[in-house]
Amino acid sequence: MFTGIIEELGRVAAIQSDDENARIVISAKKVVEGTNPGDSIAVNGVCLTA
């Protein structure tokens, strides 16, 4: 079982949705530094693409 590496606790800054899509905006300063488009970030066990 992967226990993960917790670098920072972020906060949900906004949730935006329409009929077909949803966007969750998460505020996290440390993790975002050095992140590039296409990098993956695990959010509560779910891998999202930046």
Protein backbone atom coordinates (compact mmCIF):
# COMPACT_ATOMS: atom_id res chain seq x y z
CA MET A 1 0.00 0.00 0.00
CA PHE A 2 1.30 3.45 -0.96
CA THR A 3 1.31 5.71 2.10
CA GLY A 4 2.19 8.85 0.13
CA ILE A 5 4.26 11.90 0.84
CA ILE A 6 2.28 14.79 2.27
CA GLU A 7 3.95 18.09 1.41
CA GLU A 8 1.14 20.49 2.16
CA LEU A 9 -2.51 20.74 3.14
CA GLY A 10 -4.39 22.78 0.54
CA ARG A 11 -7.82 24.40 0.61
CA VAL A 12 -10.64 24.31 -1.92
CA ALA A 13 -10.72 27.90 -3.20
CA ALA A 14 -13.57 27.48 -5.70
CA ILE A 15 -15.79 24.96 -7.45
CA GLN A 16 -16.97 25.83 -10.95
CA SER A 17 -19.30 23.65 -13.01
CA ASP A 18 -21.51 23.60 -16.06
CA ASP A 19 -23.66 20.90 -17.68
CA GLU A 20 -20.71 18.70 -18.69
CA ASN A 21 -17.63 19.73 -16.72
CA ALA A 22 -16.44 20.67 -13.26
CA ARG A 23 -13.34 22.49 -12.08
CA ILE A 24 -12.00 22.44 -8.54
CA VAL A 25 -9.57 25.25 -7.70
CA ILE A 26 -7.24 24.32 -4.85
CA SER A 27 -5.07 26.85 -3.05
CA ALA A 28 -1.64 25.38 -2.18
CA LYS A 29 1.52 27.49 -2.30
CA LYS A 30 4.34 24.99 -1.64
CA VAL A 31 3.20 22.25 -4.03
CA VAL A 32 2.56 24.65 -6.93
CA GLU A 33 6.11 26.03 -6.91
CA GLY A 34 8.03 24.21 -9.64
CA THR A 35 4.93 22.51 -11.08
CA ASN A 36 4.61 22.44 -14.86
CA PRO A 37 1.60 21.81 -17.11
CA GLY A 38 1.10 18.05 -17.41
CA ASP A 39 2.55 17.26 -13.97
CA SER A 40 0.35 15.10 -11.73
CA ILE A 41 -0.54 16.00 -8.16
CA ALA A 42 -2.33 13.57 -5.83
CA VAL A 43 -5.31 15.23 -4.18
CA ASN A 44 -6.91 13.14 -1.43
CA GLY A 45 -5.97 9.94 -3.22
CA VAL A 46 -7.01 11.15 -6.68
CA CYS A 47 -4.35 11.95 -9.28
CA LEU A 48 -5.19 15.14 -11.18
CA THR A 49 -3.34 16.65 -14.14
CA ALA A 50 -2.22 20.28 -13.85
